Amino acid sequence: MDINCLDCTNSACCKVYVVEISKEEYEKYKKLGLHKNFETRTDIFLKKNSKYKTKRKELDEMHTQYFAEAKKRKDGYCTFLDKAMRCSIYENRPKVCAEYKHNRCENIRCIKN
C-alpha cells in the first residue's frame, strides 16, 4: 500500500527518524535552494572536532552515501513540515521519505501514541 504523507494526521515519522541524504541528493537540494535545511556529516563532525577543519574535503569524500541529514525544528520535527504538519516539499522529498513503507508508518504511530 502506498502512503500519501500529505494525508498523515500526526507526522510521527518526521519526528522520530533522521532523514539522511546522499551527496547527490544534497546537490539537488542545493540547486533548489533548500540545502540550508540540511546539515552535512562533515559539519556535524567538525562541531565536536574543530582541529580537523582543514580536512573538510577529505571528510566530505568519506560521507557520500549519508552526506547530510535534515535539520529538526526546536519541537523535534523536520524543518520541511508546514504549519499544518504536512510536508512542504512533498514532490521533491528525499528518497528515504519517498521510499518509506506503510508498515513502518503504522508501527511508528503505535509508538508515538
PDB file of N, CA and C in Angstrom:
ATOM      1  N   MET A   1       0.838  -1.169   0.000  1.00  0.00           N
ATOM      2  CA  MET A   1       0.000   0.000   0.000  1.00  0.00           C
ATOM      3  C   MET A   1       0.893   1.245   0.000  1.00  0.00           C
ATOM      4  N   ASP A   2       0.578   2.182  -0.843  1.00  0.00           N
ATOM      5  CA  ASP A   2       1.334   3.431  -0.890  1.00  0.00           C
ATOM      6  C   ASP A   2       0.864   4.364   0.215  1.00  0.00           C
ATOM      7  N   ILE A   3       1.780   5.191   0.668  1.00  0.00           N
ATOM      8  CA  ILE A   3       1.459   6.178   1.691  1.00  0.00           C
ATOM      9  C   ILE A   3       1.448   7.544   1.036  1.00  0.00           C
ATOM     10  N   ASN A   4       0.493   8.342   1.379  1.00  0.00           N
ATOM     11  CA  ASN A   4       0.496   9.733   0.957  1.00  0.00           C
ATOM     12  C   ASN A   4       0.715  10.558   2.217  1.00  0.00           C
ATOM     13  N   CYS A   5       1.927  11.049   2.386  1.00  0.00           N
ATOM     14  CA  CYS A   5       2.265  11.817   3.594  1.00  0.00           C
ATOM     15  C   CYS A   5       1.407  13.063   3.740  1.00  0.00           C
ATOM     16  N   LEU A   6       0.849  13.518   2.647  1.00  0.00           N
ATOM     17  CA  LEU A   6       0.005  14.706   2.720  1.00  0.00           C
ATOM     18  C   LEU A   6      -1.312  14.411   3.447  1.00  0.00           C
ATOM     19  N   ASP A   7      -1.661  13.121   3.581  1.00  0.00           N
ATOM     20  CA  ASP A   7      -2.862  12.723   4.305  1.00  0.00           C
ATOM     21  C   ASP A   7      -2.583  12.350   5.762  1.00  0.00           C
ATOM     22  N   CYS A   8      -1.328  12.413   6.169  1.00  0.00           N
ATOM     23  CA  CYS A   8      -0.937  11.997   7.515  1.00  0.00           C
ATOM     24  C   CYS A   8      -1.562  12.915   8.555  1.00  0.00           C
ATOM     25  N   THR A   9      -1.932  12.314   9.674  1.00  0.00           N
ATOM     26  CA  THR A   9      -2.564  13.099  10.732  1.00  0.00           C
ATOM     27  C   THR A   9      -1.649  13.410  11.907  1.00  0.00           C
ATOM     28  N   ASN A  10      -0.460  12.776  11.968  1.00  0.00           N
ATOM     29  CA  ASN A  10       0.385  13.046  13.138  1.00  0.00           C
ATOM     30  C   ASN A  10       1.859  13.269  12.823  1.00  0.00           C
ATOM     31  N   SER A  11       2.308  13.026  11.633  1.00  0.00           N
ATOM     32  CA  SER A  11       3.685  13.279  11.207  1.00  0.00           C
ATOM     33  C   SER A  11       4.717  12.667  12.149  1.00  0.00           C
ATOM     34  N   ALA A  12       4.413  11.520  12.722  1.00  0.00           N
ATOM     35  CA  ALA A  12       5.308  10.894  13.696  1.00  0.00           C
ATOM     36  C   ALA A  12       6.676  10.565  13.102  1.00  0.00           C
ATOM     37  N   CYS A  13       6.696  10.040  11.892  1.00  0.00           N
ATOM     38  CA  CYS A  13       7.984   9.670  11.305  1.00  0.00           C
ATOM     39  C   CYS A  13       8.867  10.890  11.092  1.00  0.00           C
ATOM     40  N   CYS A  14       8.273  12.043  10.919  1.00  0.00           N
ATOM     41  CA  CYS A  14       9.030  13.281  10.699  1.00  0.00           C
ATOM     42  C   CYS A  14       9.674  13.785  11.979  1.00  0.00           C
ATOM     43  N   LYS A  15       9.368  13.136  13.094  1.00  0.00           N
ATOM     44  CA  LYS A  15      10.000  13.494  14.360  1.00  0.00           C
ATOM     45  C   LYS A  15      10.962  12.405  14.803  1.00  0.00           C
ATOM     46  N   VAL A  16      10.574  11.175  14.649  1.00  0.00           N
ATOM     47  CA  VAL A  16      11.351  10.060  15.175  1.00  0.00           C
ATOM     48  C   VAL A  16      12.576   9.741  14.320  1.00  0.00           C
ATOM     49  N   TYR A  17      12.429   9.761  13.021  1.00  0.00           N
ATOM     50  CA  TYR A  17      13.514   9.332  12.138  1.00  0.00           C
ATOM     51  C   TYR A  17      14.438  10.464  11.720  1.00  0.00           C
ATOM     52  N   VAL A  18      15.700  10.099  11.528  1.00  0.00           N
ATOM     53  CA  VAL A  18      16.683  11.019  10.963  1.00  0.00           C
ATOM     54  C   VAL A  18      16.620  10.844   9.453  1.00  0.00           C
ATOM     55  N   VAL A  19      16.403  11.931   8.737  1.00  0.00           N
ATOM     56  CA  VAL A  19      16.340  11.878   7.279  1.00  0.00           C
ATOM     57  C   VAL A  19      17.742  12.117   6.741  1.00  0.00           C
ATOM     58  N   GLU A  20      18.351  11.045   6.252  1.00  0.00           N
ATOM     59  CA  GLU A  20      19.704  11.119   5.708  1.00  0.00           C
ATOM     60  C   GLU A  20      19.645  11.128   4.191  1.00  0.00           C
ATOM     61  N   ILE A  21      20.497  11.961   3.593  1.00  0.00           N
ATOM     62  CA  ILE A  21      20.530  12.048   2.132  1.00  0.00           C
ATOM     63  C   ILE A  21      21.958  11.871   1.629  1.00  0.00           C
ATOM     64  N   SER A  22      22.048  11.442   0.380  1.00  0.00           N
ATOM     65  CA  SER A  22      23.353  11.257  -0.259  1.00  0.00           C
ATOM     66  C   SER A  22      23.905  12.596  -0.733  1.00  0.00           C
ATOM     67  N   LYS A  23      25.146  12.589  -1.134  1.00  0.00           N
ATOM     68  CA  LYS A  23      25.757  13.804  -1.666  1.00  0.00           C
ATOM     69  C   LYS A  23      25.022  14.240  -2.937  1.00  0.00           C
ATOM     70  N   GLU A  24      24.628  13.267  -3.746  1.00  0.00           N
ATOM     71  CA  GLU A  24      23.881  13.568  -4.977  1.00  0.00           C
ATOM     72  C   GLU A  24      22.569  14.291  -4.662  1.00  0.00           C
ATOM     73  N   GLU A  25      21.847  13.799  -3.663  1.00  0.00           N
ATOM     74  CA  GLU A  25      20.603  14.465  -3.262  1.00  0.00           C
ATOM     75  C   GLU A  25      20.877  15.853  -2.699  1.00  0.00           C
ATOM     76  N   TYR A  26      21.941  15.976  -1.918  1.00  0.00           N
ATOM     77  CA  TYR A  26      22.307  17.268  -1.344  1.00  0.00           C
ATOM     78  C   TYR A  26      22.537  18.290  -2.459  1.00  0.00           C
ATOM     79  N   GLU A  27      23.202  17.872  -3.514  1.00  0.00           N
ATOM     80  CA  GLU A  27      23.455  18.768  -4.653  1.00  0.00           C
ATOM     81  C   GLU A  27      22.141  19.190  -5.306  1.00  0.00           C
ATOM     82  N   LYS A  28      21.182  18.271  -5.374  1.00  0.00           N
ATOM     83  CA  LYS A  28      19.858  18.596  -5.911  1.00  0.00           C
ATOM     84  C   LYS A  28      19.192  19.667  -5.052  1.00  0.00           C
ATOM     85  N   TYR A  29      19.252  19.494  -3.732  1.00  0.00           N
ATOM     86  CA  TYR A  29      18.640  20.481  -2.833  1.00  0.00           C
ATOM     87  C   TYR A  29      19.392  21.809  -2.861  1.00  0.00           C
ATOM     88  N   LYS A  30      20.668  21.748  -3.137  1.00  0.00           N
ATOM     89  CA  LYS A  30      21.446  22.977  -3.270  1.00  0.00           C
ATOM     90  C   LYS A  30      20.937  23.790  -4.461  1.00  0.00           C
ATOM     91  N   LYS A  31      20.672  23.111  -5.568  1.00  0.00           N
ATOM     92  CA  LYS A  31      20.130  23.787  -6.761  1.00  0.00           C
ATOM     93  C   LYS A  31      18.743  24.369  -6.491  1.00  0.00           C
ATOM     94  N   LEU A  32      17.982  23.704  -5.623  1.00  0.00           N
ATOM     95  CA  LEU A  32      16.637  24.175  -5.282  1.00  0.00           C
ATOM     96  C   LEU A  32      16.659  25.231  -4.170  1.00  0.00           C
ATOM     97  N   GLY A  33      17.841  25.508  -3.638  1.00  0.00           N
ATOM     98  CA  GLY A  33      17.968  26.486  -2.559  1.00  0.00           C
ATOM     99  C   GLY A  33      17.488  25.958  -1.213  1.00  0.00           C
ATOM    100  N   LEU A  34      17.413  24.645  -1.054  1.00  0.00           N
ATOM    101  CA  LEU A  34      16.907  24.039   0.173  1.00  0.00           C
ATOM    102  C   LEU A  34      18.008  23.399   1.031  1.00  0.00           C
ATOM    103  N   HIS A  35      19.240  23.497   0.596  1.00  0.00           N
ATOM    104  CA  HIS A  35      20.334  22.822   1.291  1.00  0.00           C
ATOM    105  C   HIS A  35      20.575  23.339   2.708  1.00  0.00           C
ATOM    106  N   LYS A  36      20.133  24.524   3.017  1.00  0.00           N
ATOM    107  CA  LYS A  36      20.330  25.077   4.368  1.00  0.00           C
ATOM    108  C   LYS A  36      19.457  24.364   5.403  1.00  0.00           C
ATOM    109  N   ASN A  37      18.516  23.561   4.926  1.00  0.00           N
ATOM    110  CA  ASN A  37      17.680  22.752   5.815  1.00  0.00           C
ATOM    111  C   ASN A  37      18.339  21.424   6.163  1.00  0.00           C
ATOM    112  N   PHE A  38      19.557  21.232   5.679  1.00  0.00           N
ATOM    113  CA  PHE A  38      20.317  20.017   5.952  1.00  0.00           C
ATOM    114  C   PHE A  38      21.634  20.381   6.612  1.00  0.00           C
ATOM    115  N   GLU A  39      22.160  19.447   7.382  1.00  0.00           N
ATOM    116  CA  GLU A  39      23.474  19.629   7.986  1.00  0.00           C
ATOM    117  C   GLU A  39      24.348  18.476   7.509  1.00  0.00           C
ATOM    118  N   THR A  40      25.501  18.807   6.955  1.00  0.00           N
ATOM    119  CA  THR A  40      26.365  17.753   6.438  1.00  0.00           C
ATOM    120  C   THR A  40      27.018  16.989   7.584  1.00  0.00           C
ATOM    121  N   ARG A  41      27.377  15.752   7.310  1.00  0.00           N
ATOM    122  CA  ARG A  41      28.087  14.937   8.299  1.00  0.00           C
ATOM    123  C   ARG A  41      29.395  15.623   8.696  1.00  0.00           C
ATOM    124  N   THR A  42      30.038  16.251   7.720  1.00  0.00           N
ATOM    125  CA  THR A  42      31.284  16.958   7.999  1.00  0.00           C
ATOM    126  C   THR A  42      31.057  18.079   8.995  1.00  0.00           C
ATOM    127  N   ASP A  43      30.004  18.871   8.799  1.00  0.00           N
ATOM    128  CA  ASP A  43      29.715  19.956   9.735  1.00  0.00           C
ATOM    129  C   ASP A  43      29.406  19.431  11.135  1.00  0.00           C
ATOM    130  N   ILE A  44      28.667  18.339  11.201  1.00  0.00           N
ATOM    131  CA  ILE A  44      28.344  17.722  12.488  1.00  0.00           C
ATOM    132  C   ILE A  44      29.637  17.287  13.188  1.00  0.00           C
ATOM    133  N   PHE A  45      30.518  16.641  12.437  1.00  0.00           N
ATOM    134  CA  PHE A  45      31.784  16.170  12.988  1.00  0.00           C
ATOM    135  C   PHE A  45      32.666  17.336  13.429  1.00  0.00           C
ATOM    136  N   LEU A  46      32.756  18.365  12.594  1.00  0.00           N
ATOM    137  CA  LEU A  46      33.645  19.488  12.900  1.00  0.00           C
ATOM    138  C   LEU A  46      33.187  20.318  14.099  1.00  0.00           C
ATOM    139  N   LYS A  47      31.905  20.287  14.417  1.00  0.00           N
ATOM    140  CA  LYS A  47      31.431  20.980  15.620  1.00  0.00           C
ATOM    141  C   LYS A  47      32.105  20.424  16.868  1.00  0.00           C
ATOM    142  N   LYS A  48      32.366  19.133  16.853  1.00  0.00           N
ATOM    143  CA  LYS A  48      32.973  18.469  18.016  1.00  0.00           C
ATOM    144  C   LYS A  48      34.480  18.294  17.865  1.00  0.00           C
ATOM    145  N   ASN A  49      34.977  18.408  16.640  1.00  0.00           N
ATOM    146  CA  ASN A  49      36.384  18.135  16.348  1.00  0.00           C
ATOM    147  C   ASN A  49      36.971  19.214  15.454  1.00  0.00           C
ATOM    148  N   SER A  50      36.964  20.422  15.928  1.00  0.00           N
ATOM    149  CA  SER A  50      37.371  21.574  15.097  1.00  0.00           C
ATOM    150  C   SER A  50      38.822  21.509  14.628  1.00  0.00           C
ATOM    151  N   LYS A  51      39.648  20.722  15.294  1.00  0.00           N
ATOM    152  CA  LYS A  51      41.045  20.627  14.875  1.00  0.00           C
ATOM    153  C   LYS A  51      41.204  20.021  13.480  1.00  0.00           C
ATOM    154  N   TYR A  52      40.138  19.413  12.957  1.00  0.00           N
ATOM    155  CA  TYR A  52      40.189  18.799  11.624  1.00  0.00           C
ATOM    156  C   TYR A  52      39.581  19.686  10.541  1.00  0.00           C
ATOM    157  N   LYS A  53      39.343  20.953  10.832  1.00  0.00           N
ATOM    158  CA  LYS A  53      38.655  21.824   9.876  1.00  0.00           C
ATOM    159  C   LYS A  53      39.392  21.967   8.545  1.00  0.00           C
ATOM    160  N   THR A  54      40.684  21.749   8.519  1.00  0.00           N
ATOM    161  CA  THR A  54      41.430  21.818   7.256  1.00  0.00           C
ATOM    162  C   THR A  54      41.240  20.553   6.413  1.00  0.00           C
ATOM    163  N   LYS A  55      40.560  19.566   6.954  1.00  0.00           N
ATOM    164  CA  LYS A  55      40.336  18.282   6.262  1.00  0.00           C
ATOM    165  C   LYS A  55      38.913  18.152   5.727  1.00  0.00           C
ATOM    166  N   ARG A  56      38.230  19.282   5.556  1.00  0.00           N
ATOM    167  CA  ARG A  56      36.835  19.269   5.104  1.00  0.00           C
ATOM    168  C   ARG A  56      36.636  18.441   3.836  1.00  0.00           C
ATOM    169  N   LYS A  57      37.460  18.646   2.838  1.00  0.00           N
ATOM    170  CA  LYS A  57      37.300  17.938   1.565  1.00  0.00           C
ATOM    171  C   LYS A  57      37.396  16.422   1.767  1.00  0.00           C
ATOM    172  N   GLU A  58      38.375  15.997   2.528  1.00  0.00           N
ATOM    173  CA  GLU A  58      38.546  14.569   2.789  1.00  0.00           C
ATOM    174  C   GLU A  58      37.357  14.002   3.570  1.00  0.00           C
ATOM    175  N   LEU A  59      36.882  14.764   4.531  1.00  0.00           N
ATOM    176  CA  LEU A  59      35.727  14.326   5.314  1.00  0.00           C
ATOM    177  C   LEU A  59      34.473  14.235   4.447  1.00  0.00           C
ATOM    178  N   ASP A  60      34.272  15.217   3.579  1.00  0.00           N
ATOM    179  CA  ASP A  60      33.122  15.178   2.662  1.00  0.00           C
ATOM    180  C   ASP A  60      33.177  13.944   1.771  1.00  0.00           C
ATOM    181  N   GLU A  61      34.354  13.579   1.329  1.00  0.00           N
ATOM    182  CA  GLU A  61      34.509  12.415   0.443  1.00  0.00           C
ATOM    183  C   GLU A  61      34.220  11.107   1.166  1.00  0.00           C
ATOM    184  N   MET A  62      34.372  11.099   2.476  1.00  0.00           N
ATOM    185  CA  MET A  62      34.091   9.887   3.263  1.00  0.00           C
ATOM    186  C   MET A  62      32.597   9.619   3.406  1.00  0.00           C
ATOM    187  N   HIS A  63      31.796  10.644   3.257  1.00  0.00           N
ATOM    188  CA  HIS A  63      30.356  10.544   3.536  1.00  0.00           C
ATOM    189  C   HIS A  63      29.525  10.796   2.286  1.00  0.00           C
ATOM    190  N   THR A  64      29.684  10.007   1.260  1.00  0.00           N
ATOM    191  CA  THR A  64      28.914  10.263   0.041  1.00  0.00           C
ATOM    192  C   THR A  64      27.511   9.668   0.113  1.00  0.00           C
ATOM    193  N   GLN A  65      27.376   8.476   0.703  1.00  0.00           N
ATOM    194  CA  GLN A  65      26.054   7.845   0.773  1.00  0.00           C
ATOM    195  C   GLN A  65      25.169   8.544   1.802  1.00  0.00           C
ATOM    196  N   TYR A  66      25.704   8.823   2.969  1.00  0.00           N
ATOM    197  CA  TYR A  66      24.973   9.540   4.013  1.00  0.00           C
ATOM    198  C   TYR A  66      25.672  10.875   4.241  1.00  0.00           C
ATOM    199  N   PHE A  67      25.535  11.752   3.283  1.00  0.00           N
ATOM    200  CA  PHE A  67      26.281  13.009   3.252  1.00  0.00           C
ATOM    201  C   PHE A  67      25.727  14.047   4.228  1.00  0.00           C
ATOM    202  N   ALA A  68      24.412  14.074   4.381  1.00  0.00           N
ATOM    203  CA  ALA A  68      23.792  15.092   5.223  1.00  0.00           C
ATOM    204  C   ALA A  68      22.490  14.557   5.818  1.00  0.00           C
ATOM    205  N   GLU A  69      22.009  15.273   6.822  1.00  0.00           N
ATOM    206  CA  GLU A  69      20.721  14.917   7.408  1.00  0.00           C
ATOM    207  C   GLU A  69      19.873  16.171   7.551  1.00  0.00           C
ATOM    208  N   ALA A  70      18.572  15.966   7.465  1.00  0.00           N
ATOM    209  CA  ALA A  70      17.640  17.091   7.588  1.00  0.00           C
ATOM    210  C   ALA A  70      17.696  17.636   9.008  1.00  0.00           C
ATOM    211  N   LYS A  71      17.691  18.940   9.118  1.00  0.00           N
ATOM    212  CA  LYS A  71      17.669  19.575  10.436  1.00  0.00           C
ATOM    213  C   LYS A  71      16.290  19.393  11.048  1.00  0.00           C
ATOM    214  N   LYS A  72      16.249  19.499  12.350  1.00  0.00           N
ATOM    215  CA  LYS A  72      14.988  19.403  13.081  1.00  0.00           C
ATOM    216  C   LYS A  72      14.656  20.776  13.668  1.00  0.00           C
ATOM    217  N   ARG A  73      13.374  21.039  13.794  1.00  0.00           N
ATOM    218  CA  ARG A  73      12.925  22.259  14.460  1.00  0.00           C
ATOM    219  C   ARG A  73      13.113  22.098  15.968  1.00  0.00           C
ATOM    220  N   LYS A  74      12.881  23.144  16.714  1.00  0.00           N
ATOM    221  CA  LYS A  74      13.012  23.084  18.176  1.00  0.00           C
ATOM    222  C   LYS A  74      12.080  22.055  18.796  1.00  0.00           C
ATOM    223  N   ASP A  75      10.934  21.812  18.150  1.00  0.00           N
ATOM    224  CA  ASP A  75       9.990  20.821  18.681  1.00  0.00           C
ATOM    225  C   ASP A  75      10.347  19.395  18.268  1.00  0.00           C
ATOM    226  N   GLY A  76      11.452  19.237  17.521  1.00  0.00           N
ATOM    227  CA  GLY A  76      11.919  17.908  17.133  1.00  0.00           C
ATOM    228  C   GLY A  76      11.444  17.432  15.783  1.00  0.00           C
ATOM    229  N   TYR A  77      10.558  18.172  15.137  1.00  0.00           N
ATOM    230  CA  TYR A  77      10.045  17.769  13.836  1.00  0.00           C
ATOM    231  C   TYR A  77      10.931  18.275  12.704  1.00  0.00           C
ATOM    232  N   CYS A  78      10.818  17.641  11.565  1.00  0.00           N
ATOM    233  CA  CYS A  78      11.548  18.015  10.347  1.00  0.00           C
ATOM    234  C   CYS A  78      11.239  19.470   9.969  1.00  0.00           C
ATOM    235  N   THR A  79      12.260  20.179   9.520  1.00  0.00           N
ATOM    236  CA  THR A  79      12.074  21.585   9.144  1.00  0.00           C
ATOM    237  C   THR A  79      11.191  21.766   7.919  1.00  0.00           C
ATOM    238  N   PHE A  80      10.931  20.698   7.198  1.00  0.00           N
ATOM    239  CA  PHE A  80      10.115  20.808   5.985  1.00  0.00           C
ATOM    240  C   PHE A  80       8.617  20.696   6.251  1.00  0.00           C
ATOM    241  N   LEU A  81       8.220  20.459   7.494  1.00  0.00           N
ATOM    242  CA  LEU A  81       6.793  20.410   7.804  1.00  0.00           C
ATOM    243  C   LEU A  81       6.246  21.824   7.904  1.00  0.00           C
ATOM    244  N   ASP A  82       5.085  22.030   7.291  1.00  0.00           N
ATOM    245  CA  ASP A  82       4.475  23.356   7.363  1.00  0.00           C
ATOM    246  C   ASP A  82       3.610  23.455   8.627  1.00  0.00           C
ATOM    247  N   LYS A  83       2.887  24.548   8.779  1.00  0.00           N
ATOM    248  CA  LYS A  83       2.073  24.772   9.990  1.00  0.00           C
ATOM    249  C   LYS A  83       0.992  23.718  10.171  1.00  0.00           C
ATOM    250  N   ALA A  84       0.538  23.121   9.078  1.00  0.00           N
ATOM    251  CA  ALA A  84      -0.487  22.081   9.145  1.00  0.00           C
ATOM    252  C   ALA A  84       0.131  20.689   9.334  1.00  0.00           C
ATOM    253  N   MET A  85       1.458  20.652   9.583  1.00  0.00           N
ATOM    254  CA  MET A  85       2.205  19.400   9.771  1.00  0.00           C
ATOM    255  C   MET A  85       2.186  18.528   8.523  1.00  0.00           C
ATOM    256  N   ARG A  86       2.240  19.177   7.382  1.00  0.00           N
ATOM    257  CA  ARG A  86       2.323  18.480   6.096  1.00  0.00           C
ATOM    258  C   ARG A  86       3.658  18.815   5.454  1.00  0.00           C
ATOM    259  N   CYS A  87       4.195  17.892   4.686  1.00  0.00           N
ATOM    260  CA  CYS A  87       5.488  18.078   4.038  1.00  0.00           C
ATOM    261  C   CYS A  87       5.402  19.199   2.995  1.00  0.00           C
ATOM    262  N   SER A  88       6.220  20.208   3.187  1.00  0.00           N
ATOM    263  CA  SER A  88       6.198  21.362   2.276  1.00  0.00           C
ATOM    264  C   SER A  88       6.977  21.120   0.986  1.00  0.00           C
ATOM    265  N   ILE A  89       7.733  20.025   0.928  1.00  0.00           N
ATOM    266  CA  ILE A  89       8.489  19.704  -0.293  1.00  0.00           C
ATOM    267  C   ILE A  89       8.114  18.310  -0.797  1.00  0.00           C
ATOM    268  N   TYR A  90       6.869  17.930  -0.583  1.00  0.00           N
ATOM    269  CA  TYR A  90       6.432  16.557  -0.872  1.00  0.00           C
ATOM    270  C   TYR A  90       6.835  16.082  -2.265  1.00  0.00           C
ATOM    271  N   GLU A  91       6.677  16.902  -3.264  1.00  0.00           N
ATOM    272  CA  GLU A  91       7.033  16.498  -4.640  1.00  0.00           C
ATOM    273  C   GLU A  91       8.543  16.345  -4.814  1.00  0.00           C
ATOM    274  N   ASN A  92       9.327  16.978  -3.956  1.00  0.00           N
ATOM    275  CA  ASN A  92      10.792  16.900  -4.020  1.00  0.00           C
ATOM    276  C   ASN A  92      11.383  16.298  -2.746  1.00  0.00           C
ATOM    277  N   ARG A  93      10.584  15.531  -2.001  1.00  0.00           N
ATOM    278  CA  ARG A  93      11.051  14.990  -0.728  1.00  0.00           C
ATOM    279  C   ARG A  93      12.234  14.033  -0.937  1.00  0.00           C
ATOM    280  N   PRO A  94      13.056  13.871   0.094  1.00  0.00           N
ATOM    281  CA  PRO A  94      14.202  12.971  -0.006  1.00  0.00           C
ATOM    282  C   PRO A  94      13.795  11.551  -0.356  1.00  0.00           C
ATOM    283  N   LYS A  95      14.709  10.837  -0.955  1.00  0.00           N
ATOM    284  CA  LYS A  95      14.482   9.453  -1.378  1.00  0.00           C
ATOM    285  C   LYS A  95      14.010   8.583  -0.214  1.00  0.00           C
ATOM    286  N   VAL A  96      14.642   8.742   0.954  1.00  0.00           N
ATOM    287  CA  VAL A  96      14.266   7.928   2.111  1.00  0.00           C
ATOM    288  C   VAL A  96      12.810   8.168   2.505  1.00  0.00           C
ATOM    289  N   CYS A  97      12.329   9.371   2.336  1.00  0.00           N
ATOM    290  CA  CYS A  97      10.920   9.679   2.648  1.00  0.00           C
ATOM    291  C   CYS A  97       9.998   9.084   1.582  1.00  0.00           C
ATOM    292  N   ALA A  98      10.393   9.203   0.332  1.00  0.00           N
ATOM    293  CA  ALA A  98       9.579   8.678  -0.765  1.00  0.00           C
ATOM    294  C   ALA A  98       9.469   7.159  -0.715  1.00  0.00           C
ATOM    295  N   GLU A  99      10.501   6.491  -0.185  1.00  0.00           N
ATOM    296  CA  GLU A  99      10.507   5.031  -0.132  1.00  0.00           C
ATOM    297  C   GLU A  99      10.023   4.484   1.213  1.00  0.00           C
ATOM    298  N   TYR A 100       9.526   5.351   2.055  1.00  0.00           N
ATOM    299  CA  TYR A 100       9.054   4.940   3.373  1.00  0.00           C
ATOM    300  C   TYR A 100       7.914   3.947   3.231  1.00  0.00           C
ATOM    301  N   LYS A 101       7.955   2.855   3.958  1.00  0.00           N
ATOM    302  CA  LYS A 101       6.977   1.779   3.820  1.00  0.00           C
ATOM    303  C   LYS A 101       5.811   1.925   4.792  1.00  0.00           C
ATOM    304  N   HIS A 102       4.642   1.530   4.335  1.00  0.00           N
ATOM    305  CA  HIS A 102       3.402   1.672   5.093  1.00  0.00           C
ATOM    306  C   HIS A 102       3.467   1.003   6.464  1.00  0.00           C
ATOM    307  N   ASN A 103       4.004  -0.216   6.553  1.00  0.00           N
ATOM    308  CA  ASN A 103       4.013  -0.901   7.847  1.00  0.00           C
ATOM    309  C   ASN A 103       4.869  -0.149   8.859  1.00  0.00           C
ATOM    310  N   ARG A 104       5.938   0.513   8.412  1.00  0.00           N
ATOM    311  CA  ARG A 104       6.751   1.313   9.318  1.00  0.00           C
ATOM    312  C   ARG A 104       5.946   2.503   9.817  1.00  0.00           C
ATOM    313  N   CYS A 105       5.120   3.061   8.963  1.00  0.00           N
ATOM    314  CA  CYS A 105       4.286   4.191   9.343  1.00  0.00           C
ATOM    315  C   CYS A 105       3.311   3.763  10.440  1.00  0.00           C
ATOM    316  N   GLU A 106       2.686   2.623  10.265  1.00  0.00           N
ATOM    317  CA  GLU A 106       1.750   2.124  11.282  1.00  0.00           C
ATOM    318  C   GLU A 106       2.469   1.864  12.596  1.00  0.00           C
ATOM    319  N   ASN A 107       3.658   1.261  12.519  1.00  0.00           N
ATOM    320  CA  ASN A 107       4.412   0.952  13.733  1.00  0.00           C
ATOM    321  C   ASN A 107       4.813   2.218  14.477  1.00  0.00           C
ATOM    322  N   ILE A 108       5.262   3.226  13.774  1.00  0.00           N
ATOM    323  CA  ILE A 108       5.697   4.447  14.425  1.00  0.00           C
ATOM    324  C   ILE A 108       4.513   5.192  15.040  1.00  0.00           C
ATOM    325  N   ARG A 109       3.355   5.085  14.427  1.00  0.00           N
ATOM    326  CA  ARG A 109       2.155   5.695  15.020  1.00  0.00           C
ATOM    327  C   ARG A 109       1.826   5.034  16.342  1.00  0.00           C
ATOM    328  N   CYS A 110       2.018   3.707  16.430  1.00  0.00           N
ATOM    329  CA  CYS A 110       1.773   2.987  17.686  1.00  0.00           C
ATOM    330  C   CYS A 110       2.744   3.441  18.761  1.00  0.00           C
ATOM    331  N   ILE A 111       3.993   3.651  18.405  1.00  0.00           N
ATOM    332  CA  ILE A 111       4.998   4.090  19.367  1.00  0.00           C
ATOM    333  C   ILE A 111       4.667   5.479  19.884  1.00  0.00           C
ATOM    334  N   LYS A 112       4.270   6.367  18.976  1.00  0.00           N
ATOM    335  CA  LYS A 112       4.038   7.756  19.346  1.00  0.00           C
ATOM    336  C   LYS A 112       2.802   7.903  20.242  1.00  0.00           C
ATOM    337  N   ASN A 113       1.801   7.077  20.017  1.00  0.00           N
ATOM    338  CA  ASN A 113       0.538   7.223  20.772  1.00  0.00           C
ATOM    339  C   ASN A 113       0.584   6.565  22.094  1.00  0.00           C
TER     340      ASN A 113
END
